[in-house]
Amino acid sequence: MFSKWWQKLTQKSHPPKSADAVQTTPPSENSHASKLTLVFDVTREPKLNLGLPPNAIPGLSVIKELSRLLRYKTLDQLVGLKVEVTSLNSAVQEIRAAIGRYDIELGDIISDSGDAAFRKYGLLDYSFLLVQSNFIAERQNVRFLKEMGWLLEKEDVDDLLFPDGGIGFLQEMIDQIKENNMVCDIRLESCGRYRGLQDAPSENWQSVETAQFFPCEFIVRDACITNCRDIWLNKYFYL
């Protein structure tokens, strides 16, 4: 009974409209339909939000590709690790064994700073092929490339030496990445009595007899895994 009452009430409040009651107003002859016009300015260069400095060198496509492909991870667990090195000849094996305790298996050595870095700076700097690790290298943004010293301002680039603005180096890094190799870079400083002869003339530090300073304790100052073996080239450009 309640439903019937409600139906009657709604019919009184909202009577049905007849076809005659519905009127349509034709558009006036003087009325104008609104038009939306889209204008594209193809003469302007797109401003990509890459975090680049305003005066960055050219080659955005190369920079974007490098940023997309690069993988990098700092091994914080190794930073601060102390390693006892018996001699420069045994340093690679002893460092490989120390890093192996962190479930990082290293393969062949790719680059070795040699005794020159120890003589002048008291450093050891190695790059190994990475065989296995529980750590995963992560994708990096363009800002990371700038922090590593790879994106220069135009005024800092010598056009006579680098007519391409340094983009050729970035392309070489992309070629390295496409080799599909992971590497482990590690940099150690001497904690012993010899810390290098940085400010001395070259004939002084080149003549240093290194054997007298070993055994020597070293501390890991930086370590990473990456798919680009030259990633530290500008960060530690000391030779």
Protein backbone atom coordinates (compact mmCIF):
# COMPACT_ATOMS: atom_id res chain seq x y z
CA MET A 1 0.00 0.00 0.00
CA PHE A 2 2.84 2.34 0.79
CA SER A 3 4.40 1.77 -2.66
CA LYS A 4 1.15 2.74 -4.42
CA TRP A 5 0.91 5.90 -2.36
CA TRP A 6 4.52 6.82 -3.25
CA GLN A 7 3.88 6.28 -6.98
CA LYS A 8 0.91 8.65 -6.94
CA LEU A 9 2.89 11.27 -5.06
CA THR A 10 5.74 11.23 -7.52
CA GLN A 11 3.34 11.47 -10.48
CA LYS A 12 1.84 14.65 -9.03
CA SER A 13 5.24 16.17 -8.33
CA HIS A 14 6.70 15.25 -11.74
CA PRO A 15 3.95 15.00 -14.36
CA PRO A 16 5.05 13.36 -17.61
CA LYS A 17 5.89 15.71 -20.45
CA SER A 18 3.98 15.32 -23.65
CA ALA A 19 5.67 15.44 -26.97
CA ASP A 20 4.02 18.81 -27.63
CA ALA A 21 5.43 20.20 -24.42
CA VAL A 22 8.94 19.57 -25.48
CA GLN A 23 10.22 22.46 -27.53
CA THR A 24 13.48 22.70 -29.32
CA THR A 25 14.94 26.06 -30.12
CA PRO A 26 16.68 26.07 -33.47
CA PRO A 27 19.94 27.96 -33.60
CA SER A 28 19.63 31.57 -34.54
CA GLU A 29 20.99 32.67 -37.85
CA ASN A 30 23.12 35.23 -36.00
CA SER A 31 24.56 32.73 -33.49
CA HIS A 32 28.12 31.53 -34.00
CA ALA A 33 29.42 28.13 -32.86
CA SER A 34 32.50 28.45 -30.64
CA LYS A 35 35.71 27.20 -32.19
CA LEU A 36 38.82 25.88 -30.42
CA THR A 37 42.07 26.46 -32.24
CA LEU A 38 45.27 24.64 -31.24
CA VAL A 39 48.51 26.26 -32.29
CA PHE A 40 51.80 24.31 -32.21
CA ASP A 41 55.05 26.25 -32.35
CA VAL A 42 57.43 23.85 -34.05
CA THR A 43 60.25 26.40 -34.06
CA ARG A 44 60.86 26.06 -30.32
CA GLU A 45 63.18 23.37 -28.97
CA PRO A 46 61.65 21.03 -26.37
CA LYS A 47 62.81 21.58 -22.82
CA LEU A 48 63.42 18.14 -21.36
CA ASN A 49 63.32 17.83 -17.60
CA LEU A 50 66.62 15.98 -17.21
CA GLY A 51 68.13 17.95 -14.35
CA LEU A 52 70.78 19.37 -16.68
CA PRO A 53 72.53 22.67 -16.03
CA PRO A 54 71.28 25.56 -18.21
CA ASN A 55 74.56 25.69 -20.18
CA ALA A 56 75.01 21.93 -20.57
CA ILE A 57 76.95 20.59 -23.52
CA PRO A 58 74.95 19.25 -26.49
CA GLY A 59 74.10 15.60 -27.10
CA LEU A 60 70.89 15.07 -25.13
CA SER A 61 70.09 11.84 -26.93
CA VAL A 62 73.43 10.33 -25.87
CA ILE A 63 73.01 11.56 -22.30
CA LYS A 64 69.50 10.12 -22.11
CA GLU A 65 70.63 6.74 -23.43
CA LEU A 66 73.55 6.59 -21.00
CA SER A 67 71.27 7.45 -18.09
CA ARG A 68 68.80 4.76 -19.18
CA LEU A 69 71.42 2.01 -19.52
CA LEU A 70 73.81 2.80 -16.66
CA ARG A 71 73.67 0.69 -13.48
CA TYR A 72 75.63 1.58 -10.35
CA LYS A 73 75.64 0.82 -6.65
CA THR A 74 78.00 1.96 -3.91
CA LEU A 75 79.01 -0.94 -1.68
CA ASP A 76 78.56 0.79 1.67
CA GLN A 77 79.23 -2.49 3.45
CA LEU A 78 82.83 -2.41 2.21
CA VAL A 79 83.57 1.26 2.91
CA GLY A 80 85.70 1.41 6.06
CA LEU A 81 86.87 -2.19 5.74
CA LYS A 82 90.54 -2.63 6.70
CA VAL A 83 92.73 -5.02 4.76
CA GLU A 84 96.23 -6.16 5.67
CA VAL A 85 98.38 -6.26 2.54
CA THR A 86 101.67 -8.15 2.66
CA SER A 87 103.16 -6.69 -0.52
CA LEU A 88 102.13 -5.01 -3.74
CA ASN A 89 102.57 -8.35 -5.53
CA SER A 90 100.08 -10.09 -3.24
CA ALA A 91 97.65 -7.16 -2.90
CA VAL A 92 95.16 -8.38 -5.54
CA GLN A 93 94.79 -11.83 -3.99
CA GLU A 94 94.50 -10.48 -0.43
CA ILE A 95 91.92 -7.85 -1.39
CA ARG A 96 89.91 -10.42 -3.38
CA ALA A 97 89.85 -12.71 -0.34
CA ALA A 98 88.74 -9.86 1.99
CA ILE A 99 85.88 -8.86 -0.33
CA GLY A 100 84.86 -12.50 -0.78
CA ARG A 101 83.71 -12.60 2.85
CA TYR A 102 80.82 -10.36 1.80
CA ASP A 103 79.53 -12.91 -0.76
CA ILE A 104 81.12 -11.01 -3.64
CA GLU A 105 82.94 -13.24 -6.09
CA LEU A 106 85.49 -11.39 -8.20
CA GLY A 107 86.89 -12.57 -11.50
CA ASP A 108 89.84 -11.37 -13.54
CA ILE A 109 91.33 -7.99 -12.81
CA ILE A 110 90.54 -5.37 -15.47
CA SER A 111 92.69 -2.47 -14.33
CA ASP A 112 95.37 -1.94 -11.71
CA SER A 113 96.68 1.47 -10.67
CA GLY A 114 99.99 -0.24 -10.01
CA ASP A 115 102.77 0.88 -7.74
CA ALA A 116 102.69 4.42 -9.18
CA ALA A 117 99.45 5.24 -7.30
CA PHE A 118 100.93 3.88 -4.08
CA ARG A 119 104.20 5.75 -4.52
CA LYS A 120 102.56 9.10 -5.21
CA TYR A 121 99.32 8.92 -3.20
CA GLY A 122 99.53 5.90 -0.91
CA LEU A 123 96.57 4.39 -2.81
CA LEU A 124 95.53 1.09 -4.31
CA ASP A 125 92.87 1.21 -7.03
CA TYR A 126 91.54 -1.93 -8.75
CA SER A 127 88.76 -2.94 -11.08
CA PHE A 128 87.61 -6.58 -11.21
CA LEU A 129 85.12 -8.44 -13.34
CA LEU A 130 82.16 -9.27 -11.12
CA VAL A 131 81.25 -12.96 -11.18
CA GLN A 132 78.55 -13.11 -8.52
CA SER A 133 77.08 -10.82 -5.88
CA ASN A 134 73.95 -10.47 -3.77
CA PHE A 135 74.08 -6.72 -4.38
CA ILE A 136 72.15 -5.27 -7.31
CA ALA A 137 73.37 -2.26 -9.26
CA GLU A 138 70.63 0.33 -9.69
CA ARG A 139 69.57 2.67 -12.47
CA GLN A 140 70.85 6.25 -12.07
CA ASN A 141 69.53 9.61 -13.23
CA VAL A 142 71.21 12.40 -15.15
CA ARG A 143 72.12 14.23 -11.95
CA PHE A 144 74.30 11.25 -11.02
CA LEU A 145 76.29 11.70 -14.25
CA LYS A 146 76.92 15.34 -13.34
CA GLU A 147 78.02 14.37 -9.81
CA MET A 148 80.49 11.94 -11.36
CA GLY A 149 81.94 14.75 -13.47
CA TRP A 150 80.63 13.63 -16.86
CA LEU A 151 78.36 16.59 -17.70
CA LEU A 152 80.37 19.75 -18.12
CA GLU A 153 79.37 23.33 -18.69
CA LYS A 154 80.07 24.71 -22.16
CA GLU A 155 82.63 27.18 -20.85
CA ASP A 156 84.57 24.32 -19.22
CA VAL A 157 85.05 22.41 -22.49
CA ASP A 158 88.04 23.17 -24.71
CA ASP A 159 86.68 23.00 -28.26
CA LEU A 160 90.16 22.41 -29.64
CA LEU A 161 90.62 19.27 -27.56
CA PHE A 162 86.98 18.13 -27.53
CA PRO A 163 85.17 19.38 -30.65
CA ASP A 164 82.19 17.19 -29.77
CA GLY A 165 81.86 18.73 -26.30
CA GLY A 166 82.95 15.48 -24.64
CA ILE A 167 80.01 13.50 -26.00
CA GLY A 168 82.43 11.00 -27.56
CA PHE A 169 83.45 9.84 -24.08
CA LEU A 170 79.81 9.28 -23.15
CA GLN A 171 79.30 7.21 -26.30
CA GLU A 172 82.30 5.06 -25.34
CA MET A 173 80.66 4.47 -21.96
CA ILE A 174 77.48 3.33 -23.70
CA ASP A 175 79.55 0.92 -25.81
CA GLN A 176 81.09 -0.48 -22.61
CA ILE A 177 77.67 -0.99 -21.06
CA LYS A 178 76.50 -2.89 -24.14
CA GLU A 179 79.28 -5.44 -23.54
CA ASN A 180 77.05 -6.73 -20.70
CA ASN A 181 79.81 -7.03 -18.09
CA MET A 182 79.49 -6.09 -14.44
CA VAL A 183 82.60 -4.83 -12.68
CA CYS A 184 83.60 -4.14 -9.10
CA ASP A 185 85.76 -1.07 -8.46
CA ILE A 186 87.56 -0.65 -5.15
CA ARG A 187 89.79 2.16 -3.88
CA LEU A 188 91.93 1.82 -0.76
CA GLU A 189 94.16 4.25 1.17
CA SER A 190 97.21 3.41 3.22
CA CYS A 191 96.85 3.49 7.00
CA GLY A 192 100.58 2.85 7.44
CA ARG A 193 103.46 5.21 7.88
CA TYR A 194 103.72 5.90 4.15
CA ARG A 195 100.91 8.07 2.70
CA GLY A 196 102.49 9.08 -0.59
CA LEU A 197 104.54 12.05 -1.84
CA GLN A 198 101.79 13.98 -3.60
CA ASP A 199 103.54 17.36 -3.68
CA ALA A 200 107.03 16.06 -4.31
CA PRO A 201 108.73 16.22 -7.71
CA SER A 202 108.11 13.18 -9.88
CA GLU A 203 111.72 12.01 -9.62
CA ASN A 204 111.28 11.76 -5.84
CA TRP A 205 108.17 9.60 -5.67
CA GLN A 206 109.14 7.48 -8.66
CA SER A 207 112.31 6.42 -6.88
CA VAL A 208 110.56 5.30 -3.67
CA GLU A 209 111.33 1.69 -2.74
CA THR A 210 107.87 0.40 -1.85
CA ALA A 211 108.89 -2.92 -0.25
CA GLN A 212 110.10 -1.15 2.91
CA PHE A 213 106.54 -0.04 3.77
CA PHE A 214 104.99 -3.52 3.74
CA PRO A 215 103.18 -5.24 5.34
CA CYS A 216 100.75 -2.31 5.33
CA GLU A 217 97.16 -1.88 6.45
CA PHE A 218 94.76 -0.27 3.98
CA ILE A 219 91.23 1.04 4.43
CA VAL A 220 88.53 0.89 1.75
CA ARG A 221 87.47 4.45 0.93
CA ASP A 222 85.14 3.65 -1.96
CA ALA A 223 83.73 0.56 -3.66
CA CYS A 224 81.01 -0.04 -6.20
CA ILE A 225 79.53 -2.44 -8.72
CA THR A 226 78.59 -1.09 -12.13
CA ASN A 227 78.20 -2.02 -15.78
CA CYS A 228 80.52 0.80 -16.93
CA ARG A 229 84.19 0.28 -16.17
CA ASP A 230 85.15 3.95 -16.78
CA ILE A 231 82.56 5.44 -14.43
CA TRP A 232 85.25 6.56 -11.92
CA LEU A 233 87.53 8.11 -14.54
CA ASN A 234 86.58 11.71 -13.71
CA LYS A 235 85.77 11.10 -10.05
CA TYR A 236 89.31 9.93 -9.27
CA PHE A 237 91.40 11.48 -12.00
CA TYR A 238 94.66 11.48 -10.04
CA LEU A 239 97.27 9.89 -12.33
